[in-house]
Amino acid sequence: MGEIKDITTSLSGIKLDNPVIPASGTFGFGYEFADYYDINILGSISLKGTTKEPRYGNNLPRIAECTSGLINSIGLQNPGVEKVISEEIPKVKMFYKKPLIANISGFSVDDYKYSCEKIDKVDEVGIIELNISCPNAHNGGMAFGTDPKVAAEVTRAVKSVTTKPVYVKLTPNVTNVVEIAKAVEEAGADGIALINTLLGMRINLKTQKPIIANKMGGFSGPAIFPVALRMVYQVYEAFNIPIIGMGGVEQAEDVIGMMLAGASAVEVGAANLVNPYACKDIIEDLPRAMEKYGIESLKDIIGKAHT
């Protein structure tokens, strides 16, 4: 090994010891992993998707394995924003001392506003990650993030009741991701997180029926990495607000690739479900990968694939 590598980065003025963040929904509220290792090694933690009301989630079965990935249809199972603030965040705080990322979902603009206004007042939360891939209850069930006008409306509404940086998490299930990113940026988003899962399904050949009760679900895992990388690249190319890149990241090289495409930080999702040590392993392996590719500082390579 050569000299010490600089693996630090930052998001909207919040300094991270490294760019690796477990993605929402793949790491619980964080404290569940404290039995495995010291979770303070993580750059941040994106907490389990939180809604205004408690949710049981979708019917079982809701996980299906597939080649190089998995399909899930959990349905935002969570105890609701009040309990997340009063019970879950205090538990995480016992094990984790850095700013958290709160992932907020909703089924109406008012839902989003309510939950974001509440979570904005929590000291431990550094960034709000707005998941606009949920079905819009007042708009025929179409996801908020598939219509630029609706995506902008929810972003504007949330920004009107919050003081913390708001990163809008975009769905890849659109024709033009740059158009959606532009709409939320113009509405005041401080950053973009992408991508959420692709839509996929599996069929059980014995029963000849879909495996998942919901028929379709979110497809994640290493198979989607090239799609995620392409979308991060496109959004960075279009305008320059910070990006958290995710989708199929499972090794240190993937983190470097995401950052070259334009990400300032990187979330790791499905890999945590396969290996609870995934994030720790990636962080510890970053200096080796940087040495291999002649990189001294990760901050210096953000967006470098564009020049």
C-alpha atoms as a PDB file:
ATOM      1  CA  MET A   1       0.000   0.000   0.000  1.00  0.00           C
ATOM      2  CA  GLY A   2       1.180   3.539  -0.803  1.00  0.00           C
ATOM      3  CA  GLU A   3       0.320   6.623   1.232  1.00  0.00           C
ATOM      4  CA  ILE A   4      -3.004   6.898   3.053  1.00  0.00           C
ATOM      5  CA  LYS A   5      -5.949   7.348   0.660  1.00  0.00           C
ATOM      6  CA  ASP A   6      -8.577  10.035   1.200  1.00  0.00           C
ATOM      7  CA  ILE A   7     -11.927   8.220   1.179  1.00  0.00           C
ATOM      8  CA  THR A   8     -13.934  11.145   2.592  1.00  0.00           C
ATOM      9  CA  THR A   9     -16.721  12.908   0.712  1.00  0.00           C
ATOM     10  CA  SER A  10     -19.580  15.284   1.481  1.00  0.00           C
ATOM     11  CA  LEU A  11     -23.271  15.815   0.749  1.00  0.00           C
ATOM     12  CA  SER A  12     -24.696  19.346   0.999  1.00  0.00           C
ATOM     13  CA  GLY A  13     -21.989  20.424   3.425  1.00  0.00           C
ATOM     14  CA  ILE A  14     -22.284  17.285   5.592  1.00  0.00           C
ATOM     15  CA  LYS A  15     -18.893  15.580   5.713  1.00  0.00           C
ATOM     16  CA  LEU A  16     -18.880  11.782   5.402  1.00  0.00           C
ATOM     17  CA  ASP A  17     -15.919   9.641   6.490  1.00  0.00           C
ATOM     18  CA  ASN A  18     -16.531   7.579   3.342  1.00  0.00           C
ATOM     19  CA  PRO A  19     -19.167   7.448   0.594  1.00  0.00           C
ATOM     20  CA  VAL A  20     -20.732   4.108   1.578  1.00  0.00           C
ATOM     21  CA  ILE A  21     -24.319   4.196   2.897  1.00  0.00           C
ATOM     22  CA  PRO A  22     -26.651   1.212   3.371  1.00  0.00           C
ATOM     23  CA  ALA A  23     -29.748   1.823   1.226  1.00  0.00           C
ATOM     24  CA  SER A  24     -33.185   2.265   2.728  1.00  0.00           C
ATOM     25  CA  GLY A  25     -35.085  -0.970   3.265  1.00  0.00           C
ATOM     26  CA  THR A  26     -31.985  -3.174   3.232  1.00  0.00           C
ATOM     27  CA  PHE A  27     -30.522  -2.283   6.639  1.00  0.00           C
ATOM     28  CA  GLY A  28     -33.535  -1.842   8.932  1.00  0.00           C
ATOM     29  CA  PHE A  29     -32.974   1.151  11.188  1.00  0.00           C
ATOM     30  CA  GLY A  30     -29.281   0.309  11.502  1.00  0.00           C
ATOM     31  CA  TYR A  31     -29.073  -0.912  15.095  1.00  0.00           C
ATOM     32  CA  GLU A  32     -30.055  -4.427  13.941  1.00  0.00           C
ATOM     33  CA  PHE A  33     -26.599  -4.685  12.335  1.00  0.00           C
ATOM     34  CA  ALA A  34     -24.712  -3.435  15.411  1.00  0.00           C
ATOM     35  CA  ASP A  35     -24.422  -7.071  16.582  1.00  0.00           C
ATOM     36  CA  TYR A  36     -22.310  -7.846  13.497  1.00  0.00           C
ATOM     37  CA  TYR A  37     -19.848  -4.928  13.540  1.00  0.00           C
ATOM     38  CA  ASP A  38     -19.296  -1.351  14.700  1.00  0.00           C
ATOM     39  CA  ILE A  39     -21.714   0.468  12.389  1.00  0.00           C
ATOM     40  CA  ASN A  40     -19.895   3.774  13.033  1.00  0.00           C
ATOM     41  CA  ILE A  41     -17.641   2.755  10.140  1.00  0.00           C
ATOM     42  CA  LEU A  42     -20.497   3.666   7.737  1.00  0.00           C
ATOM     43  CA  GLY A  43     -20.577   7.011   5.893  1.00  0.00           C
ATOM     44  CA  SER A  44     -24.239   7.354   6.874  1.00  0.00           C
ATOM     45  CA  ILE A  45     -27.328   5.127   7.090  1.00  0.00           C
ATOM     46  CA  SER A  46     -30.477   5.543   5.015  1.00  0.00           C
ATOM     47  CA  LEU A  47     -33.198   4.484   7.429  1.00  0.00           C
ATOM     48  CA  LYS A  48     -36.061   2.135   6.567  1.00  0.00           C
ATOM     49  CA  GLY A  49     -38.730   3.838   4.429  1.00  0.00           C
ATOM     50  CA  THR A  50     -41.060   5.734   6.753  1.00  0.00           C
ATOM     51  CA  THR A  51     -44.692   6.716   6.158  1.00  0.00           C
ATOM     52  CA  LYS A  52     -47.172   8.855   8.101  1.00  0.00           C
ATOM     53  CA  GLU A  53     -49.168   5.851   9.359  1.00  0.00           C
ATOM     54  CA  PRO A  54     -47.827   2.438  10.457  1.00  0.00           C
ATOM     55  CA  ARG A  55     -47.862  -0.124   7.629  1.00  0.00           C
ATOM     56  CA  TYR A  56     -47.846  -3.910   7.678  1.00  0.00           C
ATOM     57  CA  GLY A  57     -46.778  -3.977   4.028  1.00  0.00           C
ATOM     58  CA  ASN A  58     -47.847  -6.246   1.187  1.00  0.00           C
ATOM     59  CA  ASN A  59     -49.122  -9.818   1.404  1.00  0.00           C
ATOM     60  CA  LEU A  60     -46.707 -12.761   1.464  1.00  0.00           C
ATOM     61  CA  PRO A  61     -44.795 -14.064  -0.402  1.00  0.00           C
ATOM     62  CA  ARG A  62     -42.969 -10.828  -1.191  1.00  0.00           C
ATOM     63  CA  ILE A  63     -39.437 -11.902  -2.146  1.00  0.00           C
ATOM     64  CA  ALA A  64     -38.381 -13.839  -5.254  1.00  0.00           C
ATOM     65  CA  GLU A  65     -34.820 -14.681  -6.231  1.00  0.00           C
ATOM     66  CA  CYS A  66     -33.608 -14.313  -9.795  1.00  0.00           C
ATOM     67  CA  THR A  67     -30.394 -14.389 -11.801  1.00  0.00           C
ATOM     68  CA  SER A  68     -27.976 -11.785 -10.407  1.00  0.00           C
ATOM     69  CA  GLY A  69     -30.610 -10.128  -8.235  1.00  0.00           C
ATOM     70  CA  LEU A  70     -33.901 -10.385  -6.430  1.00  0.00           C
ATOM     71  CA  ILE A  71     -37.435  -9.051  -6.620  1.00  0.00           C
ATOM     72  CA  ASN A  72     -39.114  -7.654  -3.540  1.00  0.00           C
ATOM     73  CA  SER A  73     -42.522  -6.226  -2.832  1.00  0.00           C
ATOM     74  CA  ILE A  74     -42.278  -5.429   0.872  1.00  0.00           C
ATOM     75  CA  GLY A  75     -44.738  -2.542   0.675  1.00  0.00           C
ATOM     76  CA  LEU A  76     -43.057  -0.048   3.003  1.00  0.00           C
ATOM     77  CA  GLN A  77     -43.562  -2.037   6.203  1.00  0.00           C
ATOM     78  CA  ASN A  78     -42.752   0.405   9.030  1.00  0.00           C
ATOM     79  CA  PRO A  79     -44.104   1.592  12.405  1.00  0.00           C
ATOM     80  CA  GLY A  80     -45.062   5.092  11.170  1.00  0.00           C
ATOM     81  CA  VAL A  81     -43.202   8.393  11.527  1.00  0.00           C
ATOM     82  CA  GLU A  82     -44.159   9.085  15.180  1.00  0.00           C
ATOM     83  CA  LYS A  83     -42.712   5.760  16.363  1.00  0.00           C
ATOM     84  CA  VAL A  84     -39.659   6.068  14.112  1.00  0.00           C
ATOM     85  CA  ILE A  85     -38.901   9.370  15.867  1.00  0.00           C
ATOM     86  CA  SER A  86     -39.762   8.253  19.413  1.00  0.00           C
ATOM     87  CA  GLU A  87     -38.414   4.664  19.346  1.00  0.00           C
ATOM     88  CA  GLU A  88     -36.286   3.731  16.324  1.00  0.00           C
ATOM     89  CA  ILE A  89     -33.977   6.758  16.013  1.00  0.00           C
ATOM     90  CA  PRO A  90     -33.120   6.766  19.761  1.00  0.00           C
ATOM     91  CA  LYS A  91     -32.123   3.074  19.381  1.00  0.00           C
ATOM     92  CA  VAL A  92     -29.848   3.832  16.412  1.00  0.00           C
ATOM     93  CA  LYS A  93     -28.322   6.736  18.327  1.00  0.00           C
ATOM     94  CA  MET A  94     -26.989   4.271  20.917  1.00  0.00           C
ATOM     95  CA  PHE A  95     -24.759   2.682  18.243  1.00  0.00           C
ATOM     96  CA  TYR A  96     -24.280   5.352  15.601  1.00  0.00           C
ATOM     97  CA  LYS A  97     -22.994   8.881  16.188  1.00  0.00           C
ATOM     98  CA  LYS A  98     -23.107  10.440  12.694  1.00  0.00           C
ATOM     99  CA  PRO A  99     -25.933  12.216  10.822  1.00  0.00           C
ATOM    100  CA  LEU A 100     -28.610   9.854   9.481  1.00  0.00           C
ATOM    101  CA  ILE A 101     -30.581   9.925   6.230  1.00  0.00           C
ATOM    102  CA  ALA A 102     -34.349   9.664   6.790  1.00  0.00           C
ATOM    103  CA  ASN A 103     -36.160   8.010   3.885  1.00  0.00           C
ATOM    104  CA  ILE A 104     -39.738   9.329   3.657  1.00  0.00           C
ATOM    105  CA  SER A 105     -42.583   7.898   1.578  1.00  0.00           C
ATOM    106  CA  GLY A 106     -46.200   8.939   1.170  1.00  0.00           C
ATOM    107  CA  PHE A 107     -49.416   8.326  -0.720  1.00  0.00           C
ATOM    108  CA  SER A 108     -50.447  11.986  -1.017  1.00  0.00           C
ATOM    109  CA  VAL A 109     -48.644  15.333  -0.992  1.00  0.00           C
ATOM    110  CA  ASP A 110     -50.047  15.961   2.507  1.00  0.00           C
ATOM    111  CA  ASP A 111     -48.575  12.654   3.744  1.00  0.00           C
ATOM    112  CA  TYR A 112     -45.117  13.713   2.568  1.00  0.00           C
ATOM    113  CA  LYS A 113     -45.439  17.182   4.081  1.00  0.00           C
ATOM    114  CA  TYR A 114     -46.588  15.811   7.439  1.00  0.00           C
ATOM    115  CA  SER A 115     -43.796  13.232   7.792  1.00  0.00           C
ATOM    116  CA  CYS A 116     -41.034  15.511   6.481  1.00  0.00           C
ATOM    117  CA  GLU A 117     -42.015  18.372   8.777  1.00  0.00           C
ATOM    118  CA  LYS A 118     -41.853  15.968  11.754  1.00  0.00           C
ATOM    119  CA  ILE A 119     -38.539  14.314  10.791  1.00  0.00           C
ATOM    120  CA  ASP A 120     -36.952  17.693   9.956  1.00  0.00           C
ATOM    121  CA  LYS A 121     -36.978  18.546  13.665  1.00  0.00           C
ATOM    122  CA  VAL A 122     -34.930  15.450  14.635  1.00  0.00           C
ATOM    123  CA  ASP A 123     -31.325  16.422  15.443  1.00  0.00           C
ATOM    124  CA  GLU A 124     -29.881  13.054  14.401  1.00  0.00           C
ATOM    125  CA  VAL A 125     -31.230  13.409  10.846  1.00  0.00           C
ATOM    126  CA  GLY A 126     -28.842  15.175   8.472  1.00  0.00           C
ATOM    127  CA  ILE A 127     -30.617  14.601   5.141  1.00  0.00           C
ATOM    128  CA  ILE A 128     -34.167  13.778   4.068  1.00  0.00           C
ATOM    129  CA  GLU A 129     -34.375  11.253   1.231  1.00  0.00           C
ATOM    130  CA  LEU A 130     -37.730  11.677  -0.494  1.00  0.00           C
ATOM    131  CA  ASN A 131     -38.915   8.403  -2.013  1.00  0.00           C
ATOM    132  CA  ILE A 132     -41.257   9.426  -4.844  1.00  0.00           C
ATOM    133  CA  SER A 133     -41.587   5.911  -6.253  1.00  0.00           C
ATOM    134  CA  CYS A 134     -44.769   5.289  -4.225  1.00  0.00           C
ATOM    135  CA  PRO A 135     -48.206   4.971  -5.823  1.00  0.00           C
ATOM    136  CA  ASN A 136     -50.074   8.296  -5.651  1.00  0.00           C
ATOM    137  CA  ALA A 137     -53.404   7.492  -3.987  1.00  0.00           C
ATOM    138  CA  HIS A 138     -55.037  10.590  -5.517  1.00  0.00           C
ATOM    139  CA  ASN A 139     -53.748   9.977  -9.017  1.00  0.00           C
ATOM    140  CA  GLY A 140     -54.869   6.467  -9.938  1.00  0.00           C
ATOM    141  CA  GLY A 141     -51.944   4.742  -8.219  1.00  0.00           C
ATOM    142  CA  MET A 142     -49.301   6.021 -10.650  1.00  0.00           C
ATOM    143  CA  ALA A 143     -45.993   6.674  -8.857  1.00  0.00           C
ATOM    144  CA  PHE A 144     -45.280  10.319  -7.954  1.00  0.00           C
ATOM    145  CA  GLY A 145     -41.916  10.031  -9.633  1.00  0.00           C
ATOM    146  CA  THR A 146     -43.185   9.184 -13.113  1.00  0.00           C
ATOM    147  CA  ASP A 147     -44.731  12.617 -13.832  1.00  0.00           C
ATOM    148  CA  PRO A 148     -42.455  15.694 -13.783  1.00  0.00           C
ATOM    149  CA  LYS A 149     -45.285  18.004 -12.622  1.00  0.00           C
ATOM    150  CA  VAL A 150     -46.306  15.751  -9.720  1.00  0.00           C
ATOM    151  CA  ALA A 151     -42.664  15.106  -8.756  1.00  0.00           C
ATOM    152  CA  ALA A 152     -42.077  18.866  -8.663  1.00  0.00           C
ATOM    153  CA  GLU A 153     -45.252  19.462  -6.655  1.00  0.00           C
ATOM    154  CA  VAL A 154     -44.283  17.045  -3.875  1.00  0.00           C
ATOM    155  CA  THR A 155     -40.701  18.395  -3.798  1.00  0.00           C
ATOM    156  CA  ARG A 156     -41.934  21.987  -3.512  1.00  0.00           C
ATOM    157  CA  ALA A 157     -44.397  21.044  -0.760  1.00  0.00           C
ATOM    158  CA  VAL A 158     -41.706  19.276   1.284  1.00  0.00           C
ATOM    159  CA  LYS A 159     -39.174  22.095   0.828  1.00  0.00           C
ATOM    160  CA  SER A 160     -41.775  24.550   2.186  1.00  0.00           C
ATOM    161  CA  VAL A 161     -41.843  22.763   5.586  1.00  0.00           C
ATOM    162  CA  THR A 162     -38.197  21.633   5.961  1.00  0.00           C
ATOM    163  CA  THR A 163     -34.805  23.189   6.680  1.00  0.00           C
ATOM    164  CA  LYS A 164     -32.599  20.149   6.042  1.00  0.00           C
ATOM    165  CA  PRO A 165     -31.233  19.114   2.624  1.00  0.00           C
ATOM    166  CA  VAL A 166     -33.831  17.160   0.639  1.00  0.00           C
ATOM    167  CA  TYR A 167     -32.574  14.494  -1.797  1.00  0.00           C
ATOM    168  CA  VAL A 168     -35.260  13.195  -4.125  1.00  0.00           C
ATOM    169  CA  LYS A 169     -35.004   9.459  -4.835  1.00  0.00           C
ATOM    170  CA  LEU A 170     -35.992   8.775  -8.432  1.00  0.00           C
ATOM    171  CA  THR A 171     -37.578   5.733 -10.012  1.00  0.00           C
ATOM    172  CA  PRO A 172     -35.844   4.287 -13.108  1.00  0.00           C
ATOM    173  CA  ASN A 173     -39.227   3.198 -14.481  1.00  0.00           C
ATOM    174  CA  VAL A 174     -39.545   6.250 -16.739  1.00  0.00           C
ATOM    175  CA  THR A 175     -38.634   7.071 -20.332  1.00  0.00           C
ATOM    176  CA  ASN A 176     -36.554  10.151 -19.472  1.00  0.00           C
ATOM    177  CA  VAL A 177     -34.996  10.273 -15.999  1.00  0.00           C
ATOM    178  CA  VAL A 178     -33.304  13.623 -16.723  1.00  0.00           C
ATOM    179  CA  GLU A 179     -36.700  15.269 -17.251  1.00  0.00           C
ATOM    180  CA  ILE A 180     -37.862  14.145 -13.781  1.00  0.00           C
ATOM    181  CA  ALA A 181     -34.543  15.163 -12.190  1.00  0.00           C
ATOM    182  CA  LYS A 182     -34.790  18.595 -13.794  1.00  0.00           C
ATOM    183  CA  ALA A 183     -38.344  19.058 -12.502  1.00  0.00           C
ATOM    184  CA  VAL A 184     -37.377  18.289  -8.883  1.00  0.00           C
ATOM    185  CA  GLU A 185     -34.204  20.378  -9.090  1.00  0.00           C
ATOM    186  CA  GLU A 186     -36.215  23.373 -10.283  1.00  0.00           C
ATOM    187  CA  ALA A 187     -38.674  22.736  -7.423  1.00  0.00           C
ATOM    188  CA  GLY A 188     -35.825  23.129  -4.920  1.00  0.00           C
ATOM    189  CA  ALA A 189     -34.335  19.647  -4.403  1.00  0.00           C
ATOM    190  CA  ASP A 190     -30.881  19.863  -2.803  1.00  0.00           C
ATOM    191  CA  GLY A 191     -29.775  16.582  -4.343  1.00  0.00           C
ATOM    192  CA  ILE A 192     -30.876  13.508  -6.274  1.00  0.00           C
ATOM    193  CA  ALA A 193     -30.744   9.857  -5.176  1.00  0.00           C
ATOM    194  CA  LEU A 194     -30.977   7.269  -7.926  1.00  0.00           C
ATOM    195  CA  ILE A 195     -31.950   4.704  -8.824  1.00  0.00           C
ATOM    196  CA  ASN A 196     -34.786   2.999  -7.018  1.00  0.00           C
ATOM    197  CA  THR A 197     -35.617  -0.559  -8.118  1.00  0.00           C
ATOM    198  CA  LEU A 198     -36.673  -1.555 -11.632  1.00  0.00           C
ATOM    199  CA  LEU A 199     -40.040  -3.285 -12.013  1.00  0.00           C
ATOM    200  CA  GLY A 200     -39.776  -7.036 -12.471  1.00  0.00           C
ATOM    201  CA  MET A 201     -41.508 -10.347 -11.900  1.00  0.00           C
ATOM    202  CA  ARG A 202     -40.948 -14.107 -11.618  1.00  0.00           C
ATOM    203  CA  ILE A 203     -43.351 -16.939 -12.440  1.00  0.00           C
ATOM    204  CA  ASN A 204     -43.348 -20.278 -10.606  1.00  0.00           C
ATOM    205  CA  LEU A 205     -43.272 -22.869 -13.401  1.00  0.00           C
ATOM    206  CA  LYS A 206     -44.840 -25.563 -11.194  1.00  0.00           C
ATOM    207  CA  THR A 207     -47.889 -23.553 -10.133  1.00  0.00           C
ATOM    208  CA  GLN A 208     -47.783 -21.454 -13.330  1.00  0.00           C
ATOM    209  CA  LYS A 209     -48.535 -18.354 -11.233  1.00  0.00           C
ATOM    210  CA  PRO A 210     -46.476 -15.274 -10.287  1.00  0.00           C
ATOM    211  CA  ILE A 211     -44.249 -16.011  -7.253  1.00  0.00           C
ATOM    212  CA  ILE A 212     -44.924 -12.706  -5.500  1.00  0.00           C
ATOM    213  CA  ALA A 213     -48.424 -12.105  -4.096  1.00  0.00           C
ATOM    214  CA  ASN A 214     -48.354  -8.610  -5.635  1.00  0.00           C
ATOM    215  CA  LYS A 215     -47.403 -10.202  -9.010  1.00  0.00           C
ATOM    216  CA  MET A 216     -44.660  -7.603  -9.648  1.00  0.00           C
ATOM    217  CA  GLY A 217     -42.002  -6.051  -7.444  1.00  0.00           C
ATOM    218  CA  GLY A 218     -38.782  -4.077  -7.304  1.00  0.00           C
ATOM    219  CA  PHE A 219     -35.882  -5.738  -9.112  1.00  0.00           C
ATOM    220  CA  SER A 220     -32.497  -5.047  -7.507  1.00  0.00           C
ATOM    221  CA  GLY A 221     -29.034  -6.567  -7.300  1.00  0.00           C
ATOM    222  CA  PRO A 222     -25.890  -6.586  -9.474  1.00  0.00           C
ATOM    223  CA  ALA A 223     -27.883  -7.097 -12.702  1.00  0.00           C
ATOM    224  CA  ILE A 224     -29.191  -3.493 -12.541  1.00  0.00           C
ATOM    225  CA  PHE A 225     -25.800  -1.798 -11.983  1.00  0.00           C
ATOM    226  CA  PRO A 226     -25.235  -0.778 -15.640  1.00  0.00           C
ATOM    227  CA  VAL A 227     -28.702   0.838 -15.779  1.00  0.00           C
ATOM    228  CA  ALA A 228     -28.072   2.723 -12.517  1.00  0.00           C
ATOM    229  CA  LEU A 229     -24.640   3.858 -13.687  1.00  0.00           C
ATOM    230  CA  ARG A 230     -26.107   5.157 -16.954  1.00  0.00           C
ATOM    231  CA  MET A 231     -28.805   7.152 -15.144  1.00  0.00           C
ATOM    232  CA  VAL A 232     -26.354   8.689 -12.651  1.00  0.00           C
ATOM    233  CA  TYR A 233     -24.168   9.683 -15.603  1.00  0.00           C
ATOM    234  CA  GLN A 234     -27.108  11.254 -17.477  1.00  0.00           C
ATOM    235  CA  VAL A 235     -28.353  13.242 -14.475  1.00  0.00           C
ATOM    236  CA  TYR A 236     -24.863  14.521 -13.609  1.00  0.00           C
ATOM    237  CA  GLU A 237     -24.357  15.527 -17.235  1.00  0.00           C
ATOM    238  CA  ALA A 238     -27.594  17.554 -17.242  1.00  0.00           C
ATOM    239  CA  PHE A 239     -26.901  19.679 -14.153  1.00  0.00           C
ATOM    240  CA  ASN A 240     -24.716  19.813 -11.138  1.00  0.00           C
ATOM    241  CA  ILE A 241     -26.454  19.076  -7.851  1.00  0.00           C
ATOM    242  CA  PRO A 242     -25.094  16.314  -5.596  1.00  0.00           C
ATOM    243  CA  ILE A 243     -26.079  12.753  -6.442  1.00  0.00           C
ATOM    244  CA  ILE A 244     -26.287   9.662  -4.262  1.00  0.00           C
ATOM    245  CA  GLY A 245     -25.846   6.747  -6.683  1.00  0.00           C
ATOM    246  CA  MET A 246     -27.237   3.278  -6.069  1.00  0.00           C
ATOM    247  CA  GLY A 247     -28.391   0.154  -7.852  1.00  0.00           C
ATOM    248  CA  GLY A 248     -26.467  -3.115  -7.883  1.00  0.00           C
ATOM    249  CA  VAL A 249     -23.440  -1.830  -5.966  1.00  0.00           C
ATOM    250  CA  GLU A 250     -21.628  -4.736  -4.304  1.00  0.00           C
ATOM    251  CA  GLN A 251     -17.878  -4.026  -4.383  1.00  0.00           C
ATOM    252  CA  ALA A 252     -15.357  -1.183  -4.015  1.00  0.00           C
ATOM    253  CA  GLU A 253     -14.921  -0.958  -7.795  1.00  0.00           C
ATOM    254  CA  ASP A 254     -18.658  -0.241  -8.162  1.00  0.00           C
ATOM    255  CA  VAL A 255     -18.336   2.698  -5.748  1.00  0.00           C
ATOM    256  CA  ILE A 256     -15.481   4.124  -7.849  1.00  0.00           C
ATOM    257  CA  GLY A 257     -17.531   3.642 -11.025  1.00  0.00           C
ATOM    258  CA  MET A 258     -20.534   5.441  -9.529  1.00  0.00           C
ATOM    259  CA  MET A 259     -18.364   8.351  -8.397  1.00  0.00           C
ATOM    260  CA  LEU A 260     -16.691   8.648 -11.811  1.00  0.00           C
ATOM    261  CA  ALA A 261     -20.210   8.834 -13.296  1.00  0.00           C
ATOM    262  CA  GLY A 262     -21.031  11.719 -10.960  1.00  0.00           C
ATOM    263  CA  ALA A 263     -22.141  10.376  -7.569  1.00  0.00           C
ATOM    264  CA  SER A 264     -20.830  12.109  -4.425  1.00  0.00           C
ATOM    265  CA  ALA A 265     -21.888   9.136  -2.265  1.00  0.00           C
ATOM    266  CA  VAL A 266     -23.128   5.618  -2.941  1.00  0.00           C
ATOM    267  CA  GLU A 267     -25.818   3.459  -1.367  1.00  0.00           C
ATOM    268  CA  VAL A 268     -25.548  -0.319  -1.104  1.00  0.00           C
ATOM    269  CA  GLY A 269     -28.857  -2.196  -1.168  1.00  0.00           C
ATOM    270  CA  ALA A 270     -29.448  -5.847  -2.076  1.00  0.00           C
ATOM    271  CA  ALA A 271     -25.857  -6.801  -1.178  1.00  0.00           C
ATOM    272  CA  ASN A 272     -26.732  -6.285   2.530  1.00  0.00           C
ATOM    273  CA  LEU A 273     -29.430  -8.955   2.254  1.00  0.00           C
ATOM    274  CA  VAL A 274     -26.888 -11.468   0.949  1.00  0.00           C
ATOM    275  CA  ASN A 275     -23.990 -10.480   3.216  1.00  0.00           C
ATOM    276  CA  PRO A 276     -24.608  -8.429   6.387  1.00  0.00           C
ATOM    277  CA  TYR A 277     -20.952  -7.297   6.264  1.00  0.00           C
ATOM    278  CA  ALA A 278     -21.248  -5.964   2.667  1.00  0.00           C
ATOM    279  CA  CYS A 279     -20.885  -2.251   3.516  1.00  0.00           C
ATOM    280  CA  LYS A 280     -18.028  -2.837   5.966  1.00  0.00           C
ATOM    281  CA  ASP A 281     -16.198  -5.012   3.411  1.00  0.00           C
ATOM    282  CA  ILE A 282     -16.578  -2.375   0.682  1.00  0.00           C
ATOM    283  CA  ILE A 283     -15.325   0.457   2.932  1.00  0.00           C
ATOM    284  CA  GLU A 284     -12.293  -1.555   4.048  1.00  0.00           C
ATOM    285  CA  ASP A 285     -11.510  -2.504   0.443  1.00  0.00           C
ATOM    286  CA  LEU A 286     -11.728   1.056  -0.983  1.00  0.00           C
ATOM    287  CA  PRO A 287      -8.034   1.961  -0.365  1.00  0.00           C
ATOM    288  CA  ARG A 288      -6.922  -1.179  -2.257  1.00  0.00           C
ATOM    289  CA  ALA A 289      -9.165  -0.379  -5.241  1.00  0.00           C
ATOM    290  CA  MET A 290      -7.984   3.259  -5.215  1.00  0.00           C
ATOM    291  CA  GLU A 291      -4.353   2.122  -5.184  1.00  0.00           C
ATOM    292  CA  LYS A 292      -5.039  -0.210  -8.120  1.00  0.00           C
ATOM    293  CA  TYR A 293      -6.446   2.640 -10.240  1.00  0.00           C
ATOM    294  CA  GLY A 294      -4.052   5.355  -9.086  1.00  0.00           C
ATOM    295  CA  ILE A 295      -6.667   7.359  -7.150  1.00  0.00           C
ATOM    296  CA  GLU A 296      -5.498   9.457  -4.179  1.00  0.00           C
ATOM    297  CA  SER A 297      -8.790  11.096  -3.197  1.00  0.00           C
ATOM    298  CA  LEU A 298     -12.343  10.019  -3.965  1.00  0.00           C
ATOM    299  CA  LYS A 299     -13.581  13.622  -4.014  1.00  0.00           C
ATOM    300  CA  ASP A 300     -11.253  14.294  -6.975  1.00  0.00           C
ATOM    301  CA  ILE A 301     -12.906  11.660  -9.196  1.00  0.00           C
ATOM    302  CA  ILE A 302     -16.549  12.763  -8.838  1.00  0.00           C
ATOM    303  CA  GLY A 303     -17.879  13.181 -12.387  1.00  0.00           C
ATOM    304  CA  LYS A 304     -14.455  12.551 -13.916  1.00  0.00           C
ATOM    305  CA  ALA A 305     -15.902  10.220 -16.561  1.00  0.00           C
ATOM    306  CA  HIS A 306     -17.443  13.344 -18.160  1.00  0.00           C
ATOM    307  CA  THR A 307     -14.187  15.205 -18.870  1.00  0.00           C
END
